[in-house]
Protein backbone atom coordinates (compact mmCIF):
# COMPACT_ATOMS: atom_id res chain seq x y z
CA MET A 1 0.13 -0.45 0.24
CA LEU A 2 3.09 2.45 1.31
CA THR A 3 6.09 2.53 -0.85
CA LEU A 4 9.22 5.04 -0.10
CA THR A 5 12.38 4.35 -1.84
CA ASN A 6 15.27 6.17 -1.77
CA VAL A 7 13.40 9.76 0.25
CA ASP A 8 15.97 12.36 0.46
CA ILE A 9 14.77 15.07 3.23
CA SER A 10 16.78 17.89 4.31
CA TYR A 11 16.21 21.40 5.70
CA GLY A 12 18.50 23.70 4.34
CA LYS A 13 21.75 22.53 4.60
CA ILE A 14 20.69 19.93 7.02
CA ASN A 15 20.53 16.24 5.82
CA ALA A 16 16.80 14.87 7.75
CA VAL A 17 16.72 12.03 5.99
CA ARG A 18 18.87 10.46 3.83
CA ARG A 19 18.05 7.39 1.04
CA ALA A 20 15.27 5.82 3.70
CA SER A 21 13.49 3.18 2.11
CA LEU A 22 10.68 1.02 3.53
CA HIS A 23 7.01 -0.56 2.58
CA VAL A 24 3.94 -0.85 4.06
CA ASP A 25 1.60 -4.03 3.33
CA ALA A 26 -2.21 -3.58 2.88
CA GLY A 27 -3.26 -4.63 6.30
CA GLU A 28 -0.42 -3.89 8.94
CA ILE A 29 0.68 -2.55 11.25
CA VAL A 30 4.00 -1.50 11.01
CA ALA A 31 6.55 0.50 13.95
CA LEU A 32 8.84 3.02 12.79
CA ILE A 33 11.42 3.36 15.43
CA GLY A 34 14.46 5.13 16.85
CA ALA A 35 15.47 8.05 18.92
CA ASN A 36 14.53 11.92 18.97
CA GLY A 37 15.60 13.37 15.94
CA ALA A 38 15.93 10.27 14.10
CA GLY A 39 13.75 11.96 11.15
CA LYS A 40 10.61 10.20 12.22
CA THR A 41 8.33 12.91 12.42
CA THR A 42 9.55 14.45 8.97
CA LEU A 43 9.57 10.89 7.52
CA LEU A 44 6.12 11.26 7.83
CA SER A 45 5.46 14.57 6.80
CA ALA A 46 7.04 14.00 3.53
CA ILE A 47 4.35 11.30 3.28
CA SER A 48 1.27 12.83 3.92
CA GLY A 49 2.69 16.02 1.39
CA LEU A 50 3.92 17.83 4.10
CA ILE A 51 7.13 19.07 2.84
CA ARG A 52 8.78 17.75 0.19
CA PRO A 53 11.37 15.29 0.07
CA GLY A 54 14.51 16.80 -2.47
CA ASN A 55 15.04 12.78 -4.07
CA GLY A 56 13.34 9.67 -4.11
CA SER A 57 9.77 8.53 -4.02
CA VAL A 58 6.39 7.79 -2.00
CA LEU A 59 3.92 5.76 -3.68
CA PHE A 60 0.87 4.90 -1.72
CA ASP A 61 -2.11 2.45 -3.49
CA GLY A 62 -0.58 2.61 -6.53
CA GLN A 63 0.40 5.79 -7.34
CA ASP A 64 2.63 8.98 -7.11
CA ILE A 65 2.54 11.36 -4.29
CA THR A 66 5.80 12.47 -3.93
CA LYS A 67 4.60 15.45 -4.70
CA MET A 68 1.59 15.50 -4.17
CA ALA A 69 -0.51 18.26 -2.41
CA PRO A 70 -1.72 17.41 0.94
CA GLU A 71 -5.24 17.80 1.31
CA LYS A 72 -5.30 15.50 -2.69
CA ILE A 73 -3.59 12.96 -0.72
CA VAL A 74 -5.96 12.50 2.46
CA ARG A 75 -8.45 12.28 -0.43
CA LEU A 76 -7.01 9.39 -1.79
CA GLY A 77 -7.49 7.59 1.79
CA LEU A 78 -4.20 8.81 3.52
CA SER A 79 -4.78 10.20 6.90
CA HIS A 80 -2.37 11.71 9.26
CA VAL A 81 -3.17 11.80 12.86
CA PRO A 82 0.61 14.67 14.13
CA GLU A 83 2.58 14.91 16.32
CA ARG A 84 1.32 16.44 19.65
CA ARG A 85 -2.32 15.91 18.37
CA LEU A 86 -3.15 19.53 17.24
CA VAL A 87 -6.90 19.30 17.46
CA PHE A 88 -8.85 22.63 17.51
CA LYS A 89 -8.68 23.94 20.76
CA PRO A 90 -11.90 27.05 20.62
CA LEU A 91 -13.79 24.62 18.80
CA SER A 92 -16.22 21.49 20.42
CA VAL A 93 -15.09 18.05 19.92
CA THR A 94 -18.19 17.28 17.31
CA ASP A 95 -16.62 20.16 15.22
CA ASN A 96 -13.45 18.30 15.35
CA LEU A 97 -14.43 15.76 14.04
CA LEU A 98 -16.94 17.03 11.16
CA LEU A 99 -13.63 19.07 10.23
CA GLY A 100 -12.15 16.07 9.79
CA SER A 101 -14.45 15.10 6.80
CA TYR A 102 -13.69 18.72 5.19
CA THR A 103 -12.32 16.58 2.07
CA ARG A 104 -14.94 14.44 1.33
CA ARG A 105 -17.85 17.10 1.79
CA GLY A 106 -19.71 17.17 -1.87
CA ARG A 107 -19.02 13.68 -3.11
CA THR A 108 -19.97 11.59 0.25
CA PRO A 109 -23.77 11.41 1.24
CA ARG A 110 -24.68 13.24 4.61
CA ALA A 111 -25.86 9.60 5.83
CA GLU A 112 -22.53 8.06 5.51
CA LEU A 113 -21.02 11.02 7.36
CA ASP A 114 -22.96 10.59 10.08
CA ARG A 115 -22.67 6.76 10.58
CA ASP A 116 -18.39 6.80 10.33
CA LEU A 117 -19.35 10.11 13.09
CA GLU A 118 -21.76 7.71 15.23
CA SER A 119 -18.64 4.81 14.68
CA VAL A 120 -16.37 7.14 15.92
CA TYR A 121 -18.35 8.03 19.41
CA ALA A 122 -18.63 4.06 18.81
CA MET A 123 -15.30 3.46 19.18
CA PHE A 124 -14.83 6.45 21.99
CA PRO A 125 -17.32 6.91 23.88
CA VAL A 126 -15.75 9.36 26.33
CA LEU A 127 -15.61 12.14 22.90
CA ARG A 128 -19.67 11.73 22.54
CA GLN A 129 -19.89 12.38 26.22
CA ARG A 130 -18.12 15.88 25.80
CA ALA A 131 -19.44 16.41 22.24
CA ASP A 132 -20.40 20.33 23.00
CA GLN A 133 -17.36 20.33 24.96
CA ALA A 134 -14.00 22.76 23.48
CA ALA A 135 -10.97 20.61 22.33
CA GLY A 136 -9.00 22.52 24.93
CA THR A 137 -10.28 21.17 27.98
CA LEU A 138 -9.78 17.56 27.26
CA SER A 139 -7.68 15.87 28.87
CA GLY A 140 -4.32 14.06 26.86
CA GLY A 141 -5.61 10.56 26.50
CA GLU A 142 -9.46 12.55 24.89
CA GLN A 143 -7.04 14.58 23.06
CA GLN A 144 -5.26 11.94 21.41
CA MET A 145 -8.56 9.92 20.54
CA LEU A 146 -9.81 13.12 19.26
CA ALA A 147 -7.20 13.73 16.49
CA ILE A 148 -7.97 9.52 15.39
CA GLY A 149 -11.39 10.20 15.51
CA ARG A 150 -10.92 13.40 13.26
CA ALA A 151 -8.48 11.47 10.99
CA LEU A 152 -10.85 8.68 10.66
CA MET A 153 -13.82 10.82 9.55
CA ALA A 154 -11.81 11.69 5.89
CA GLY A 155 -12.60 8.27 5.61
CA PRO A 156 -8.78 6.59 5.84
CA LYS A 157 -7.38 2.95 3.85
CA MET A 158 -4.24 3.86 5.72
CA LEU A 159 -3.30 5.64 9.19
CA LEU A 160 0.08 7.76 10.03
CA LEU A 161 -0.01 8.13 13.77
CA ASP A 162 3.26 10.36 14.85
CA GLU A 163 3.17 9.88 18.49
CA PRO A 164 0.04 8.72 19.89
CA GLY A 165 1.34 7.57 23.22
CA MET A 166 3.52 10.78 24.00
CA GLY A 167 3.22 12.71 27.02
CA LEU A 168 0.13 9.87 28.47
CA ALA A 169 -0.66 8.16 31.75
CA PRO A 170 0.54 4.11 31.01
CA THR A 171 -2.85 2.82 31.66
CA VAL A 172 -4.04 5.38 28.52
CA CYS A 173 -1.41 4.78 26.29
CA ARG A 174 -1.84 1.19 26.61
CA ASP A 175 -6.23 2.09 25.73
CA ILE A 176 -4.17 4.38 22.53
CA PHE A 177 -2.22 1.35 21.48
CA SER A 178 -5.65 -1.08 21.90
CA ARG A 179 -7.60 0.77 19.81
CA VAL A 180 -4.67 0.60 17.13
CA THR A 181 -4.90 -2.79 16.93
CA GLU A 182 -8.70 -2.61 16.84
CA LEU A 183 -9.04 -0.81 13.73
CA ARG A 184 -6.18 -3.00 12.31
CA ASP A 185 -8.57 -5.76 12.92
CA GLN A 186 -12.31 -4.45 12.56
CA ARG A 187 -11.53 -1.42 10.40
CA GLY A 188 -9.06 -3.65 7.82
CA LEU A 189 -7.01 -0.33 8.19
CA THR A 190 -2.98 -0.22 7.51
CA VAL A 191 -1.08 1.92 9.86
CA LEU A 192 2.36 3.87 9.77
CA LEU A 193 3.11 4.14 13.42
CA VAL A 194 6.10 5.85 14.96
CA GLU A 195 6.32 5.94 18.59
CA GLN A 196 8.99 6.76 20.96
CA ASN A 197 7.78 4.44 23.15
CA ALA A 198 10.37 0.89 21.06
CA LYS A 199 8.27 -1.27 22.83
CA SER A 200 4.83 -0.15 23.27
CA ALA A 201 5.44 0.45 19.34
CA LEU A 202 6.66 -3.07 18.16
CA ALA A 203 4.16 -5.34 20.65
CA VAL A 204 1.28 -4.07 18.27
CA ALA A 205 2.81 -4.74 15.17
CA ASP A 206 3.61 -6.63 12.68
CA ARG A 207 7.29 -5.42 11.79
CA GLY A 208 8.91 -2.57 12.55
CA TYR A 209 12.16 -0.06 10.73
CA VAL A 210 14.37 1.21 12.73
CA LEU A 211 15.63 4.68 11.86
CA GLU A 212 19.15 6.00 12.70
CA THR A 213 19.98 10.61 12.01
CA GLY A 214 17.69 9.39 9.05
CA ARG A 215 19.40 6.35 7.76
CA VAL A 216 17.07 2.63 8.27
CA ILE A 217 19.32 0.66 9.83
CA LEU A 218 18.02 -2.34 11.20
CA GLN A 219 14.18 -3.68 9.79
CA GLY A 220 12.70 -7.25 10.50
CA GLN A 221 9.99 -8.38 12.05
CA SER A 222 9.01 -7.82 15.81
CA SER A 223 9.57 -10.44 17.44
CA GLU A 224 13.22 -10.35 15.69
CA LEU A 225 13.18 -6.16 16.44
CA LEU A 226 12.70 -6.90 20.37
CA ALA A 227 14.78 -9.54 21.23
CA ASN A 228 18.01 -8.10 18.72
CA ARG A 229 20.55 -7.11 21.74
CA ASP A 230 21.21 -3.90 19.72
CA VAL A 231 17.39 -3.11 20.06
CA GLN A 232 17.64 -3.55 23.39
CA ARG A 233 20.17 -1.39 24.24
CA ALA A 234 19.15 1.42 22.10
CA TYR A 235 15.92 1.47 22.51
CA LEU A 236 14.69 -0.89 24.87
CA GLY A 237 16.09 0.55 27.83
CA ARG A 238 17.86 -3.24 28.26
CA ASP A 239 21.17 -4.88 28.10
CA LYS A 240 19.99 -8.21 29.57
CA THR A 241 20.56 -11.86 27.76
CA GLN A 242 17.14 -13.33 25.93
CA GLU A 243 16.75 -15.52 28.68
CA GLU A 244 16.53 -12.65 31.59
CA LEU A 245 14.01 -10.98 28.85
CA PHE A 246 12.28 -12.92 28.75
CA THR A 247 11.61 -16.06 31.14
C-alpha cells in the first residue's frame, strides 16, 4: 500500500532523512522507531505531503504522491494523526470531528458521514460525552482519541500515527494502542506507527523499521527486533540476556 524508495529530506544544509526506503503492505501495522531527532516525524510529514523530499519517491496505493498536495493525498485515503495531537482547541469535539471529513464534503452522502461520526463515538465513548465541550479542555488522552477520530472521519485506507502515546499515563497509553490494533483487526486499516516507546510500538506492530540519524539501519518482524540486543540496548533500556528478558 505504501512504498518509499531512497527518500532524501533536507532542511537547508541539514540532511534530516537520507536514502530511506520502506514499505507497508495492506492490513499491516508497521512501527517506525528511533531516538528523538532520528527523522521519524519528518518522514511522516513527507508521506502526507506536508514537506517534499529532495530525492526519492513515495507511492501510495499504486499512485506517485511524492509531490502531491496534502489535501489530495487525504482524498486518496491516507490520513495523518500528527505529533502532539494539534486539535482545534476553541472548537467543540463534534466540530473537530466534522472538520476531519472536510475533503469528503460534496462527494459523500450526509447519511454516510453521520454513520462515520457515530462509529467514532462508538469507538471512543468519552468523545460522545464531551461532544459539545471545547477540545482544548480535554485531557491529553481524550485529545489523542479526538485526533484519531478526526483522521477516521476522512474515510482513510491507511493511518499515519505520530507518537500517539506522547505524554500519556501508562493506562491511557495502553488503551490508545489497543485501539490501534482494533482499527486494523475490525476495520481493515493499514497503519504506519511512529512511537518513542519502542516496546509499546513493537508490541502491536507486525513489522518494524529502526531509523537512526535519518537512515533506516534495521528492519524485521517485531519479534525479531524485540529480541535484537542492539535494539534492546538503544531503545528498550535493556542490556540483559534473551533468557532474562523473556522468562
